[in-house]
């Protein structure tokens, strides 16, 4: 892909400004750079049609929240959830299909990321180890991709080669059990990610109301079997996603089916959790249908954000610095329908939310003191966006 004229011009202006400001920066006692902050690159996974571009690259302006399309790519069938390698050389996308190469399985695709432009080129594709994959993450060091397969009720570990390509699953674990809700007919693995210490992978299962803990090995197989139960939610809660606090001692679990968020203390030695308390994700008095989706902790650890599909809002919660417990700050409209996923910029100043059923993404300024959100006025039209991933613009490096 050839960089657009806007990209080249902006990169040129940024670099020129840096060289011009060099003498001033050397004597600047405040430590503030006069060069404009570099843009972020935004990868967007979608449920858009497979016969069209359905994996997109945008540029996000850090000061304004403006979104500018750079390129689109063919990502296969429903390239919904994405993850990037730590060095940003590779991107991995699940294909949320029910069948792949005659198996009851979805797939995972590996892409190389152009280090000048951010463009994606396909490397290879492997079965995900279960039907309907919905989440992928990487182990510390990036030697294996961890996948949660919703309809299959399995989690798997796919070895990652040095060139970024994937091998078939080396480990597949079938979850067991069900819950009282109609959507809990069987196990439905929805999330798997390594803990901050890199000792365990925690798998969240919506179908059996459990968080399972897998010891991580040094090899590409990654997951050591059998797992143990790290936490059980209230029956029918339907846990969906988990996010760790920067201190590694707390974690926050968003429950899809009863629209709550559970604050947890985390023991990195045993890979287990204990409940601190559970709070509603919805405002008092709301009685319409709702299903919670995503949860994130602000980079400074002071706030937790969760998304509501139905109420179509983001809940903002303050974190008590001594206990990890949560108190409500506000609910903010996502300005669209069905906010499946959202993300915070690494500096915590912007938040982006993907509204799957209204085909749009909106950006918000984040108040550093209160955690409150204020719409920037900028948005992007994207078909069925379901996952957002930010990284620094290569052109500014």
Protein backbone atom coordinates (compact mmCIF):
# COMPACT_ATOMS: atom_id res chain seq x y z
CA UNK A 1 0.00 0.00 0.00
CA UNK A 2 1.28 3.46 -0.88
CA UNK A 3 0.91 6.03 1.92
CA UNK A 4 -1.76 8.61 1.21
CA UNK A 5 -0.72 12.25 0.49
CA UNK A 6 -2.17 13.26 3.87
CA UNK A 7 0.03 10.74 5.68
CA UNK A 8 3.21 11.79 3.86
CA UNK A 9 2.54 15.47 4.38
CA UNK A 10 1.77 15.04 8.08
CA UNK A 11 4.84 12.87 8.65
CA UNK A 12 6.98 15.47 6.84
CA UNK A 13 5.56 18.34 8.89
CA UNK A 14 6.03 16.45 12.16
CA UNK A 15 9.64 15.61 11.42
CA UNK A 16 10.38 19.14 10.19
CA UNK A 17 8.86 20.58 13.34
CA UNK A 18 11.00 18.32 15.49
CA UNK A 19 14.23 19.38 13.78
CA UNK A 20 13.28 23.05 13.94
CA UNK A 21 12.44 22.83 17.63
CA UNK A 22 15.62 20.99 18.60
CA UNK A 23 17.49 23.98 20.12
CA UNK A 24 14.38 25.07 22.00
CA UNK A 25 13.80 21.60 23.40
CA UNK A 26 17.35 21.39 24.68
CA UNK A 27 16.78 24.39 26.93
CA UNK A 28 13.19 23.66 27.89
CA UNK A 29 12.98 23.21 31.65
CA UNK A 30 9.29 22.27 31.62
CA UNK A 31 9.94 19.13 29.58
CA UNK A 32 7.10 19.90 27.16
CA UNK A 33 7.78 19.27 23.49
CA UNK A 34 6.67 21.89 20.98
CA UNK A 35 6.23 19.24 18.27
CA UNK A 36 2.58 18.21 17.82
CA UNK A 37 1.76 14.84 19.33
CA UNK A 38 2.09 11.99 16.85
CA UNK A 39 -1.00 10.33 15.47
CA UNK A 40 -2.19 6.88 16.50
CA UNK A 41 -2.96 4.10 14.04
CA UNK A 42 -6.26 2.30 14.57
CA UNK A 43 -6.97 -1.22 13.32
CA UNK A 44 -10.66 -2.09 13.17
CA UNK A 45 -12.01 -5.64 13.09
CA UNK A 46 -15.55 -5.96 11.73
CA UNK A 47 -18.36 -8.31 10.82
CA UNK A 48 -18.53 -6.71 7.38
CA UNK A 49 -19.08 -8.80 4.23
CA UNK A 50 -16.22 -11.21 3.47
CA UNK A 51 -16.30 -10.33 -0.25
CA UNK A 52 -15.36 -6.72 0.57
CA UNK A 53 -12.72 -4.98 2.67
CA UNK A 54 -13.69 -5.76 6.26
CA UNK A 55 -10.52 -5.05 8.22
CA UNK A 56 -9.59 -1.38 8.28
CA UNK A 57 -6.74 0.96 9.12
CA UNK A 58 -7.52 4.50 10.31
CA UNK A 59 -5.45 7.33 11.73
CA UNK A 60 -6.51 8.96 15.01
CA UNK A 61 -5.46 12.53 15.77
CA UNK A 62 -4.59 12.63 19.51
CA UNK A 63 -5.56 16.25 20.09
CA UNK A 64 -8.92 16.33 18.39
CA UNK A 65 -10.11 12.72 18.17
CA UNK A 66 -10.52 13.02 14.40
CA UNK A 67 -10.54 9.70 12.51
CA UNK A 68 -9.19 9.43 8.95
CA UNK A 69 -9.37 6.29 6.85
CA UNK A 70 -6.05 5.03 5.50
CA UNK A 71 -6.78 1.63 3.97
CA UNK A 72 -9.02 -1.43 3.94
CA UNK A 73 -8.07 -5.11 3.70
CA UNK A 74 -9.77 -8.46 3.13
CA UNK A 75 -9.85 -10.23 6.47
CA UNK A 76 -11.92 -13.32 5.64
CA UNK A 77 -15.22 -14.21 7.31
CA UNK A 78 -16.04 -11.99 10.29
CA UNK A 79 -12.51 -10.86 11.30
CA UNK A 80 -13.98 -9.59 14.54
CA UNK A 81 -11.38 -9.72 17.30
CA UNK A 82 -7.78 -8.60 16.82
CA UNK A 83 -4.51 -8.59 18.70
CA UNK A 84 -1.08 -7.17 17.90
CA UNK A 85 2.34 -8.54 18.74
CA UNK A 86 4.30 -6.52 21.28
CA UNK A 87 6.70 -5.26 18.60
CA UNK A 88 3.77 -4.40 16.27
CA UNK A 89 5.20 -6.55 13.48
CA UNK A 90 2.23 -8.92 13.34
CA UNK A 91 -1.54 -8.75 13.69
CA UNK A 92 -3.81 -11.72 14.40
CA UNK A 93 -7.52 -11.83 13.61
CA UNK A 94 -10.12 -14.44 14.41
CA UNK A 95 -12.56 -15.53 11.71
CA UNK A 96 -15.80 -16.19 13.60
CA UNK A 97 -17.00 -19.06 11.43
CA UNK A 98 -18.59 -22.36 12.44
CA UNK A 99 -16.73 -24.50 9.92
CA UNK A 100 -13.18 -24.43 8.55
CA UNK A 101 -11.65 -27.00 6.19
CA UNK A 102 -14.39 -29.48 7.02
CA UNK A 103 -13.94 -29.13 10.77
CA UNK A 104 -16.33 -27.72 13.36
CA UNK A 105 -14.01 -24.78 13.86
CA UNK A 106 -13.37 -21.17 13.05
CA UNK A 107 -9.93 -19.92 12.14
CA UNK A 108 -7.19 -17.46 13.06
CA UNK A 109 -5.35 -15.40 10.46
CA UNK A 110 -1.85 -13.99 10.77
CA UNK A 111 -0.85 -10.73 9.04
CA UNK A 112 2.47 -8.95 8.68
CA UNK A 113 2.37 -5.23 9.51
CA UNK A 114 4.36 -2.96 7.20
CA UNK A 115 6.69 -1.00 9.48
CA UNK A 116 6.50 2.12 7.32
CA UNK A 117 2.81 2.37 6.53
CA UNK A 118 0.92 -0.03 8.80
CA UNK A 119 -0.43 -1.93 5.78
CA UNK A 120 -1.36 -5.58 6.32
CA UNK A 121 -0.29 -8.55 4.22
CA UNK A 122 -1.58 -12.06 4.88
CA UNK A 123 0.80 -14.69 6.21
CA UNK A 124 -1.33 -17.79 6.86
CA UNK A 125 -4.50 -19.15 8.45
CA UNK A 126 -5.05 -22.02 10.90
CA UNK A 127 -8.07 -23.64 12.59
CA UNK A 128 -8.98 -22.05 15.90
CA UNK A 129 -9.73 -25.30 17.71
CA UNK A 130 -13.47 -24.74 18.07
CA UNK A 131 -16.49 -23.18 16.41
CA UNK A 132 -17.16 -19.46 16.59
CA UNK A 133 -13.88 -17.98 17.88
CA UNK A 134 -14.42 -14.61 19.55
CA UNK A 135 -11.15 -13.65 21.28
CA UNK A 136 -7.41 -13.91 20.64
CA UNK A 137 -4.45 -12.79 22.74
CA UNK A 138 -0.72 -13.54 22.81
CA UNK A 139 1.38 -15.06 25.57
CA UNK A 140 4.25 -13.02 27.02
CA UNK A 141 7.04 -13.24 24.46
CA UNK A 142 4.49 -13.93 21.73
CA UNK A 143 5.24 -17.63 21.26
CA UNK A 144 1.59 -18.67 21.22
CA UNK A 145 -1.80 -17.24 20.32
CA UNK A 146 -4.54 -17.99 22.86
CA UNK A 147 -8.06 -18.32 21.44
CA UNK A 148 -11.52 -18.53 23.02
CA UNK A 149 -14.11 -20.35 20.87
CA UNK A 150 -17.62 -19.32 21.87
CA UNK A 151 -19.80 -21.91 20.17
CA UNK A 152 -17.28 -24.71 20.61
CA UNK A 153 -16.81 -23.94 24.30
CA UNK A 154 -13.07 -24.47 23.95
CA UNK A 155 -9.85 -22.56 24.44
CA UNK A 156 -6.74 -23.29 22.43
CA UNK A 157 -3.08 -22.38 22.03
CA UNK A 158 -1.61 -21.95 18.54
CA UNK A 159 2.21 -21.82 18.32
CA UNK A 160 3.60 -18.68 16.66
CA UNK A 161 6.67 -19.06 14.46
CA UNK A 162 9.52 -16.54 14.36
CA UNK A 163 8.19 -15.17 11.07
CA UNK A 164 4.76 -14.53 12.64
CA UNK A 165 3.00 -17.45 10.98
CA UNK A 166 0.74 -19.72 13.02
CA UNK A 167 0.90 -23.47 13.49
CA UNK A 168 -2.24 -25.54 14.15
CA UNK A 169 -3.45 -25.68 17.78
CA UNK A 170 -1.00 -27.47 20.05
CA UNK A 171 -3.49 -27.50 22.95
CA UNK A 172 -7.30 -27.55 22.92
CA UNK A 173 -9.30 -27.69 26.14
CA UNK A 174 -13.03 -28.38 26.17
CA UNK A 175 -14.93 -26.51 28.87
CA UNK A 176 -17.82 -28.22 30.63
CA UNK A 177 -20.99 -27.11 32.38
CA UNK A 178 -23.99 -24.86 31.83
CA UNK A 179 -25.96 -22.18 33.63
CA UNK A 180 -29.57 -21.22 34.39
CA UNK A 181 -29.94 -18.56 31.67
CA UNK A 182 -31.31 -19.48 28.24
CA UNK A 183 -27.97 -18.43 26.71
CA UNK A 184 -26.09 -20.85 28.98
CA UNK A 185 -27.12 -24.13 27.38
CA UNK A 186 -23.46 -25.23 27.41
CA UNK A 187 -19.98 -23.84 27.91
CA UNK A 188 -19.25 -20.68 25.89
CA UNK A 189 -15.62 -19.57 26.22
CA UNK A 190 -15.57 -15.82 25.61
CA UNK A 191 -12.15 -14.49 26.62
CA UNK A 192 -8.64 -15.76 27.39
CA UNK A 193 -5.66 -13.60 28.29
CA UNK A 194 -2.40 -13.87 30.27
CA UNK A 195 -2.19 -12.27 33.68
CA UNK A 196 0.24 -9.33 34.20
CA UNK A 197 2.80 -11.61 35.85
CA UNK A 198 2.81 -13.95 32.85
CA UNK A 199 2.27 -17.01 35.04
CA UNK A 200 -1.33 -17.90 34.20
CA UNK A 201 -3.87 -17.47 31.42
CA UNK A 202 -7.38 -16.69 32.62
CA UNK A 203 -10.30 -17.94 30.50
CA UNK A 204 -13.75 -16.43 31.00
CA UNK A 205 -16.68 -18.71 30.17
CA UNK A 206 -20.11 -17.13 29.75
CA UNK A 207 -21.89 -20.48 29.61
CA UNK A 208 -20.78 -22.01 32.91
CA UNK A 209 -20.31 -18.83 34.99
CA UNK A 210 -16.62 -19.49 35.60
CA UNK A 211 -13.18 -18.03 35.17
CA UNK A 212 -10.65 -20.82 34.62
CA UNK A 213 -6.92 -20.53 35.28
CA UNK A 214 -4.25 -22.24 33.14
CA UNK A 215 -0.58 -22.26 34.15
CA UNK A 216 1.50 -20.88 31.28
CA UNK A 217 4.47 -22.92 30.09
CA UNK A 218 7.61 -21.64 28.40
CA UNK A 219 7.01 -23.65 25.24
CA UNK A 220 4.77 -22.88 22.29
CA UNK A 221 2.05 -25.17 23.68
CA UNK A 222 1.58 -22.49 26.34
CA UNK A 223 -1.41 -23.85 28.28
CA UNK A 224 -0.84 -26.46 30.96
CA UNK A 225 -3.78 -28.79 31.57
CA UNK A 226 -5.96 -29.29 33.50
CA UNK A 227 -7.07 -25.79 34.52
CA UNK A 228 -8.50 -24.89 37.89
CA UNK A 229 -11.47 -22.72 38.71
CA UNK A 230 -10.17 -19.24 39.50
CA UNK A 231 -13.60 -17.75 40.22
CA UNK A 232 -17.31 -18.55 40.06
CA UNK A 233 -19.83 -15.79 39.44
CA UNK A 234 -23.41 -15.64 40.61
CA UNK A 235 -25.48 -18.21 38.67
CA UNK A 236 -26.72 -16.69 35.43
CA UNK A 237 -24.29 -13.75 35.49
CA UNK A 238 -22.69 -14.78 32.21
CA UNK A 239 -19.13 -13.44 32.58
CA UNK A 240 -17.77 -12.16 29.26
CA UNK A 241 -14.52 -10.16 29.46
CA UNK A 242 -11.84 -9.51 32.08
CA UNK A 243 -9.46 -6.57 32.48
CA UNK A 244 -6.55 -6.28 34.92
CA UNK A 245 -5.66 -3.21 36.92
CA UNK A 246 -2.13 -1.86 36.27
CA UNK A 247 -1.10 -2.96 39.78
CA UNK A 248 -1.78 -6.61 38.88
CA UNK A 249 -3.62 -7.17 42.18
CA UNK A 250 -7.11 -6.33 40.98
CA UNK A 251 -9.19 -7.38 38.00
CA UNK A 252 -12.62 -6.39 36.70
CA UNK A 253 -15.06 -8.87 35.21
CA UNK A 254 -18.00 -7.68 33.11
CA UNK A 255 -21.03 -9.95 33.20
CA UNK A 256 -23.10 -9.96 30.02
CA UNK A 257 -26.32 -11.59 31.19
CA UNK A 258 -27.06 -9.77 34.46
CA UNK A 259 -25.44 -6.44 33.42
CA UNK A 260 -22.97 -6.13 36.28
CA UNK A 261 -19.24 -5.61 36.84
CA UNK A 262 -17.42 -7.60 39.51
CA UNK A 263 -14.29 -6.21 41.17
CA UNK A 264 -11.84 -8.98 42.03
CA UNK A 265 -8.65 -9.31 44.03
CA UNK A 266 -6.13 -11.44 42.14
CA UNK A 267 -3.54 -13.79 43.62
CA UNK A 268 -0.72 -14.03 41.07
CA UNK A 269 0.84 -16.93 42.97
CA UNK A 270 -2.15 -19.24 42.64
CA UNK A 271 -3.91 -17.70 39.64
CA UNK A 272 -7.16 -17.33 41.56
CA UNK A 273 -9.58 -14.48 42.29
CA UNK A 274 -11.76 -13.39 45.19
CA UNK A 275 -14.74 -11.07 44.89
CA UNK A 276 -14.45 -7.58 46.32
CA UNK A 277 -17.96 -6.58 45.30
CA UNK A 278 -20.32 -6.44 42.30
CA UNK A 279 -21.93 -3.26 40.98
CA UNK A 280 -24.62 -2.65 38.34
CA UNK A 281 -23.52 -1.53 34.88
CA UNK A 282 -26.93 0.05 34.21
CA UNK A 283 -28.49 3.17 35.72
CA UNK A 284 -31.23 2.71 38.32
CA UNK A 285 -34.69 2.29 36.84
CA UNK A 286 -33.64 1.02 33.40
CA UNK A 287 -35.80 -2.01 32.56
CA UNK A 288 -35.15 -2.58 28.86
CA UNK A 289 -33.13 -5.46 27.38
CA UNK A 290 -29.37 -5.17 27.80
CA UNK A 291 -26.24 -7.26 27.36
CA UNK A 292 -22.89 -6.00 28.65
CA UNK A 293 -19.89 -6.44 26.39
CA UNK A 294 -16.45 -4.95 26.99
CA UNK A 295 -14.48 -3.69 30.01
CA UNK A 296 -11.26 -1.66 30.29
CA UNK A 297 -9.22 -0.01 33.03
CA UNK A 298 -7.72 3.43 32.42
CA UNK A 299 -3.91 3.42 32.02
CA UNK A 300 -3.50 5.20 35.36
CA UNK A 301 -5.76 2.67 37.11
CA UNK A 302 -8.17 5.28 38.43
CA UNK A 303 -11.24 4.36 36.37
CA UNK A 304 -13.07 1.36 34.91
CA UNK A 305 -15.25 1.59 31.81
CA UNK A 306 -17.84 -0.92 30.58
CA UNK A 307 -20.16 -1.07 27.57
CA UNK A 308 -23.92 -1.69 27.59
CA UNK A 309 -25.65 -3.07 24.48
CA UNK A 310 -29.33 -2.19 24.73
CA UNK A 311 -28.96 0.84 26.94
CA UNK A 312 -26.21 1.72 24.40
CA UNK A 313 -23.98 3.44 26.89
CA UNK A 314 -20.61 3.39 28.57
CA UNK A 315 -20.60 3.16 32.34
CA UNK A 316 -17.77 5.06 34.04
CA UNK A 317 -16.67 3.86 37.48
CA UNK A 318 -14.03 5.26 39.84
CA UNK A 319 -11.55 2.87 41.46
CA UNK A 320 -10.81 3.28 45.14
CA UNK A 321 -6.99 3.49 45.32
CA UNK A 322 -6.86 1.58 48.60
CA UNK A 323 -9.38 -1.20 48.06
CA UNK A 324 -10.01 -1.57 44.31
CA UNK A 325 -13.75 -1.17 44.86
CA UNK A 326 -15.88 0.78 42.38
CA UNK A 327 -18.23 3.75 42.60
CA UNK A 328 -20.38 5.14 39.81
CA UNK A 329 -19.24 8.30 38.01
CA UNK A 330 -21.66 8.49 35.07
CA UNK A 331 -23.33 6.80 32.10
CA UNK A 332 -22.60 8.22 28.64
CA UNK A 333 -24.44 7.51 25.38
CA UNK A 334 -22.33 5.79 22.73
CA UNK A 335 -24.21 7.78 20.05
CA UNK A 336 -25.02 4.55 18.22
CA UNK A 337 -26.38 1.03 18.61
CA UNK A 338 -24.79 -2.02 20.23
CA UNK A 339 -21.36 -0.92 21.55
CA UNK A 340 -19.60 -4.27 21.37
CA UNK A 341 -16.05 -3.03 21.89
CA UNK A 342 -14.15 0.12 22.86
CA UNK A 343 -10.61 1.14 23.63
CA UNK A 344 -8.63 3.79 25.46
CA UNK A 345 -5.58 5.50 24.01
CA UNK A 346 -2.40 4.43 25.84
CA UNK A 347 -2.04 7.94 27.27
CA UNK A 348 -5.63 7.77 28.55
CA UNK A 349 -6.74 11.01 26.88
CA UNK A 350 -9.10 9.56 24.27
CA UNK A 351 -11.66 6.76 24.20
CA UNK A 352 -13.10 5.18 21.05
CA UNK A 353 -16.28 3.11 20.96
CA UNK A 354 -17.42 0.78 18.15
CA UNK A 355 -21.19 0.60 17.62
CA UNK A 356 -21.75 -2.66 15.76
CA UNK A 357 -25.38 -2.27 14.69
CA UNK A 358 -25.22 1.41 13.66
CA UNK A 359 -21.96 0.97 11.72
CA UNK A 360 -20.03 3.78 13.37
CA UNK A 361 -17.19 4.63 15.71
CA UNK A 362 -17.16 7.70 17.96
CA UNK A 363 -14.30 9.31 19.85
CA UNK A 364 -14.40 10.96 23.29
CA UNK A 365 -12.11 13.16 25.31
CA UNK A 366 -11.36 11.70 28.74
CA UNK A 367 -11.16 14.04 31.72
CA UNK A 368 -8.01 12.99 33.58
CA UNK A 369 -9.32 14.11 36.98
CA UNK A 370 -12.86 12.73 36.90
CA UNK A 371 -12.76 10.04 34.22
CA UNK A 372 -15.79 11.63 32.57
CA UNK A 373 -16.24 11.42 28.81
CA UNK A 374 -16.96 14.26 26.40
CA UNK A 375 -17.73 13.62 22.70
CA UNK A 376 -15.12 15.08 20.38
CA UNK A 377 -17.62 15.54 17.57
CA UNK A 378 -15.66 13.16 15.33
CA UNK A 379 -16.79 9.76 14.09
CA UNK A 380 -16.20 7.24 11.31
CA UNK A 381 -18.63 5.12 9.30
CA UNK A 382 -17.45 1.49 9.34
CA UNK A 383 -19.49 -1.65 8.56
CA UNK A 384 -20.30 -3.60 11.76
CA UNK A 385 -17.21 -2.62 13.78
CA UNK A 386 -16.52 -5.01 16.66
CA UNK A 387 -12.87 -4.56 17.72
CA UNK A 388 -10.46 -1.61 18.01
CA UNK A 389 -6.68 -1.75 18.38
CA UNK A 390 -4.42 1.34 18.68
CA UNK A 391 -0.67 1.71 18.18
CA UNK A 392 1.71 4.63 17.48
CA UNK A 393 1.92 5.83 13.88
CA UNK A 394 4.96 4.29 12.18
CA UNK A 395 5.51 7.52 10.19
CA UNK A 396 6.33 9.40 13.40
CA UNK A 397 9.05 7.05 14.62
